[in-house]
Structure formats: structure tokens, C-alpha cells
Amino acid sequence: MPNSSSCHDPQIYASCLDSVYFIGQTVSFDPAKEVYKNMLRLVAYDIADSSRLRKVANLCENYGIRIEYSVFECDLDDSQFVAFWEQLHDLINEKEDKIIAYRICAGCVSCINSAGIVCRPGKVLIYVI
């Protein structure tokens, strides 16, 4: 599955221009057209230690979609977000690291602006063996 650095690959970047979506392919993204089941949360972090950074990034990937190196969109209900937030707190050093989460209501999602191509890796929907 592509990661955010794959947006620098010309072949994958060109695929962002297509309107067809395939699992694992990066796609053009207009956040105002997305349908969220719960509450959209924008989570960003700045982690001082590389070991903690990997753990925080992995945890964030379990709860959301990476839209930048340290920024994730998470479509979570309140109880899921509380569990996620508590796990983040357990991983960070509050004297060295920073995490922040913004709650974005459904009305505000429709007002999100974006410009250019936002390469957004898709999550695997199903594995067929």
C-alpha cells in the first residue's frame, strides 16, 4: 500500500489525477465530498524520539488515514476517540512531545478547502485468500 512519500513518485502522482479508485492506489481527494459516519478528527503530532514517533505513527494508522507525515484524519465516535487519545497519552513523553486533535463537525466538513492534489492512501478494505 502506498505511503505519503509515494506522492513524490511521478507514476503514482499521475494516478492521483484519475477519477477511478483502486484499493491501495492514491487518489484525488476533496474532503468536502467525503461522507463521515461519526465525527471527523484531525490529529497532528510532533514527537522528539524516533522510537516513540514510530509507535505514535503506527497507532494513528490504526485509527485514521495519513494525510501528511504527522497529520491524520480519523472518523471516530466519541468512545473510539477517547480510547485512541488515552493510548496516545500512554505513548508520548509530555515534556518532549506534542499531540493535538481538532474535532470537525459535519457542517464544517462541507466547508473544508483544499488545493492541488492531495494524495490519500486508501486502506485495504478486504483480503481475499
C-alpha atoms as a PDB file:
ATOM      1  CA  MET A   1       0.000   0.000   0.000  1.00  0.00           C
ATOM      2  CA  PRO A   2       1.444   3.433  -0.863  1.00  0.00           C
ATOM      3  CA  ASN A   3       2.532   5.752   1.904  1.00  0.00           C
ATOM      4  CA  SER A   4       2.566   9.554   1.922  1.00  0.00           C
ATOM      5  CA  SER A   5       6.053   9.632   0.408  1.00  0.00           C
ATOM      6  CA  SER A   6       4.680   7.825  -2.657  1.00  0.00           C
ATOM      7  CA  CYS A   7       3.091  11.136  -3.713  1.00  0.00           C
ATOM      8  CA  HIS A   8       6.579  12.088  -4.928  1.00  0.00           C
ATOM      9  CA  ASP A   9       6.651   9.132  -7.331  1.00  0.00           C
ATOM     10  CA  PRO A  10       5.641  10.505 -10.804  1.00  0.00           C
ATOM     11  CA  GLN A  11       3.766   7.330 -11.742  1.00  0.00           C
ATOM     12  CA  ILE A  12       1.721   7.300  -8.541  1.00  0.00           C
ATOM     13  CA  TYR A  13       1.278  11.083  -8.675  1.00  0.00           C
ATOM     14  CA  ALA A  14      -0.217  10.702 -12.167  1.00  0.00           C
ATOM     15  CA  SER A  15      -2.674   8.168 -10.761  1.00  0.00           C
ATOM     16  CA  CYS A  16      -3.940  10.888  -8.424  1.00  0.00           C
ATOM     17  CA  LEU A  17      -5.319  12.618 -11.492  1.00  0.00           C
ATOM     18  CA  ASP A  18      -7.558   9.684 -12.392  1.00  0.00           C
ATOM     19  CA  SER A  19     -11.114   9.549 -11.115  1.00  0.00           C
ATOM     20  CA  VAL A  20     -11.026   5.759 -10.808  1.00  0.00           C
ATOM     21  CA  TYR A  21     -10.159   4.401  -7.374  1.00  0.00           C
ATOM     22  CA  PHE A  22      -8.456   1.070  -6.840  1.00  0.00           C
ATOM     23  CA  ILE A  23      -7.631  -0.374  -3.436  1.00  0.00           C
ATOM     24  CA  GLY A  24      -4.181   0.773  -2.376  1.00  0.00           C
ATOM     25  CA  GLN A  25      -3.891   3.431  -5.104  1.00  0.00           C
ATOM     26  CA  THR A  26      -3.559   7.087  -4.191  1.00  0.00           C
ATOM     27  CA  VAL A  27      -6.491   9.206  -5.320  1.00  0.00           C
ATOM     28  CA  SER A  28      -7.574  12.804  -5.744  1.00  0.00           C
ATOM     29  CA  PHE A  29      -9.303  13.886  -2.572  1.00  0.00           C
ATOM     30  CA  ASP A  30     -11.865  16.576  -1.857  1.00  0.00           C
ATOM     31  CA  PRO A  31     -12.603  16.420   1.890  1.00  0.00           C
ATOM     32  CA  ALA A  32     -15.858  18.363   1.454  1.00  0.00           C
ATOM     33  CA  LYS A  33     -17.258  15.475  -0.637  1.00  0.00           C
ATOM     34  CA  GLU A  34     -16.426  12.766   1.883  1.00  0.00           C
ATOM     35  CA  VAL A  35     -19.164  11.124   3.932  1.00  0.00           C
ATOM     36  CA  TYR A  36     -18.172  10.550   7.530  1.00  0.00           C
ATOM     37  CA  LYS A  37     -20.031   8.065   9.719  1.00  0.00           C
ATOM     38  CA  ASN A  38     -19.015   9.611  13.023  1.00  0.00           C
ATOM     39  CA  MET A  39     -17.092  12.763  13.872  1.00  0.00           C
ATOM     40  CA  LEU A  40     -14.059  13.789  11.850  1.00  0.00           C
ATOM     41  CA  ARG A  41     -10.973  14.413  13.992  1.00  0.00           C
ATOM     42  CA  LEU A  42      -7.786  15.928  12.680  1.00  0.00           C
ATOM     43  CA  VAL A  43      -4.840  14.643  14.740  1.00  0.00           C
ATOM     44  CA  ALA A  44      -1.318  16.045  14.448  1.00  0.00           C
ATOM     45  CA  TYR A  45       1.835  15.321  16.390  1.00  0.00           C
ATOM     46  CA  ASP A  46       5.463  16.325  16.863  1.00  0.00           C
ATOM     47  CA  ILE A  47       7.401  13.553  18.598  1.00  0.00           C
ATOM     48  CA  ALA A  48      11.006  14.105  19.725  1.00  0.00           C
ATOM     49  CA  ASP A  49      12.169  10.480  19.955  1.00  0.00           C
ATOM     50  CA  SER A  50      12.258   8.236  16.854  1.00  0.00           C
ATOM     51  CA  SER A  51      11.151   5.138  18.769  1.00  0.00           C
ATOM     52  CA  ARG A  52       8.095   6.918  20.207  1.00  0.00           C
ATOM     53  CA  LEU A  53       7.462   8.510  16.801  1.00  0.00           C
ATOM     54  CA  ARG A  54       7.123   5.077  15.137  1.00  0.00           C
ATOM     55  CA  LYS A  55       4.769   3.882  17.874  1.00  0.00           C
ATOM     56  CA  VAL A  56       2.595   7.001  17.623  1.00  0.00           C
ATOM     57  CA  ALA A  57       2.522   6.797  13.812  1.00  0.00           C
ATOM     58  CA  ASN A  58       1.527   3.125  13.909  1.00  0.00           C
ATOM     59  CA  LEU A  59      -1.231   3.829  16.405  1.00  0.00           C
ATOM     60  CA  CYS A  60      -2.541   6.713  14.290  1.00  0.00           C
ATOM     61  CA  GLU A  61      -2.554   4.487  11.199  1.00  0.00           C
ATOM     62  CA  ASN A  62      -4.805   2.069  13.100  1.00  0.00           C
ATOM     63  CA  TYR A  63      -7.354   4.812  13.763  1.00  0.00           C
ATOM     64  CA  GLY A  64      -7.182   7.052  10.714  1.00  0.00           C
ATOM     65  CA  ILE A  65      -5.833   7.982   7.315  1.00  0.00           C
ATOM     66  CA  ARG A  66      -2.474   9.736   6.975  1.00  0.00           C
ATOM     67  CA  ILE A  67      -2.886  12.975   5.011  1.00  0.00           C
ATOM     68  CA  GLU A  68       0.567  14.400   5.779  1.00  0.00           C
ATOM     69  CA  TYR A  69       3.647  12.997   7.516  1.00  0.00           C
ATOM     70  CA  SER A  70       2.324  13.698  11.021  1.00  0.00           C
ATOM     71  CA  VAL A  71      -1.321  14.562  10.344  1.00  0.00           C
ATOM     72  CA  PHE A  72      -4.197  12.084  10.313  1.00  0.00           C
ATOM     73  CA  GLU A  73      -7.920  12.235   9.604  1.00  0.00           C
ATOM     74  CA  CYS A  74      -9.845   9.988  11.948  1.00  0.00           C
ATOM     75  CA  ASP A  75     -13.554   9.181  11.546  1.00  0.00           C
ATOM     76  CA  LEU A  76     -14.316   8.108  15.119  1.00  0.00           C
ATOM     77  CA  ASP A  77     -17.226   8.162  17.502  1.00  0.00           C
ATOM     78  CA  ASP A  78     -16.619   9.662  20.948  1.00  0.00           C
ATOM     79  CA  SER A  79     -15.787   6.372  22.690  1.00  0.00           C
ATOM     80  CA  GLN A  80     -13.338   5.346  19.953  1.00  0.00           C
ATOM     81  CA  PHE A  81     -11.646   8.731  20.133  1.00  0.00           C
ATOM     82  CA  VAL A  82     -11.315   8.555  23.932  1.00  0.00           C
ATOM     83  CA  ALA A  83      -9.662   5.119  23.673  1.00  0.00           C
ATOM     84  CA  PHE A  84      -7.336   6.391  20.908  1.00  0.00           C
ATOM     85  CA  TRP A  85      -6.452   9.557  22.856  1.00  0.00           C
ATOM     86  CA  GLU A  86      -5.660   7.567  26.014  1.00  0.00           C
ATOM     87  CA  GLN A  87      -3.360   5.256  24.034  1.00  0.00           C
ATOM     88  CA  LEU A  88      -1.586   8.274  22.542  1.00  0.00           C
ATOM     89  CA  HIS A  89      -1.045   9.718  26.019  1.00  0.00           C
ATOM     90  CA  ASP A  90       0.463   6.417  27.126  1.00  0.00           C
ATOM     91  CA  LEU A  91       2.997   6.557  24.273  1.00  0.00           C
ATOM     92  CA  ILE A  92       4.240  10.143  24.492  1.00  0.00           C
ATOM     93  CA  ASN A  93       6.560  11.987  26.831  1.00  0.00           C
ATOM     94  CA  GLU A  94       4.539  15.067  27.767  1.00  0.00           C
ATOM     95  CA  LYS A  95       7.722  17.054  28.456  1.00  0.00           C
ATOM     96  CA  GLU A  96       9.159  16.457  24.956  1.00  0.00           C
ATOM     97  CA  ASP A  97       6.291  15.591  22.592  1.00  0.00           C
ATOM     98  CA  LYS A  98       3.185  17.332  21.314  1.00  0.00           C
ATOM     99  CA  ILE A  99      -0.138  15.981  20.071  1.00  0.00           C
ATOM    100  CA  ILE A 100      -3.248  17.917  19.160  1.00  0.00           C
ATOM    101  CA  ALA A 101      -6.683  16.895  17.924  1.00  0.00           C
ATOM    102  CA  TYR A 102      -9.338  19.044  16.309  1.00  0.00           C
ATOM    103  CA  ARG A 103     -12.957  17.932  16.219  1.00  0.00           C
ATOM    104  CA  ILE A 104     -14.585  18.904  12.915  1.00  0.00           C
ATOM    105  CA  CYS A 105     -18.390  18.830  12.840  1.00  0.00           C
ATOM    106  CA  ALA A 106     -20.343  17.630   9.798  1.00  0.00           C
ATOM    107  CA  GLY A 107     -21.341  21.196   8.915  1.00  0.00           C
ATOM    108  CA  CYS A 108     -17.723  22.311   8.944  1.00  0.00           C
ATOM    109  CA  VAL A 109     -16.537  19.349   6.853  1.00  0.00           C
ATOM    110  CA  SER A 110     -18.561  20.688   3.935  1.00  0.00           C
ATOM    111  CA  CYS A 111     -16.600  23.968   4.242  1.00  0.00           C
ATOM    112  CA  ILE A 112     -13.118  22.422   4.120  1.00  0.00           C
ATOM    113  CA  ASN A 113     -10.990  23.873   1.344  1.00  0.00           C
ATOM    114  CA  SER A 114      -8.210  22.031  -0.424  1.00  0.00           C
ATOM    115  CA  ALA A 115      -5.969  22.968  -3.305  1.00  0.00           C
ATOM    116  CA  GLY A 116      -3.764  20.945  -5.586  1.00  0.00           C
ATOM    117  CA  ILE A 117      -3.572  17.193  -5.458  1.00  0.00           C
ATOM    118  CA  VAL A 118      -3.904  15.570  -2.063  1.00  0.00           C
ATOM    119  CA  CYS A 119      -2.587  12.022  -2.335  1.00  0.00           C
ATOM    120  CA  ARG A 120      -4.516   9.973   0.145  1.00  0.00           C
ATOM    121  CA  PRO A 121      -3.585   6.323   0.545  1.00  0.00           C
ATOM    122  CA  GLY A 122      -6.564   4.020   0.663  1.00  0.00           C
ATOM    123  CA  LYS A 123      -6.989   1.473   3.393  1.00  0.00           C
ATOM    124  CA  VAL A 124      -7.287  -2.168   2.478  1.00  0.00           C
ATOM    125  CA  LEU A 125     -10.980  -2.956   2.545  1.00  0.00           C
ATOM    126  CA  ILE A 126     -10.868  -6.737   2.395  1.00  0.00           C
ATOM    127  CA  TYR A 127      -8.358  -9.511   1.966  1.00  0.00           C
ATOM    128  CA  VAL A 128      -9.325 -12.439  -0.267  1.00  0.00           C
ATOM    129  CA  ILE A 129      -7.331 -15.602   0.244  1.00  0.00           C
END
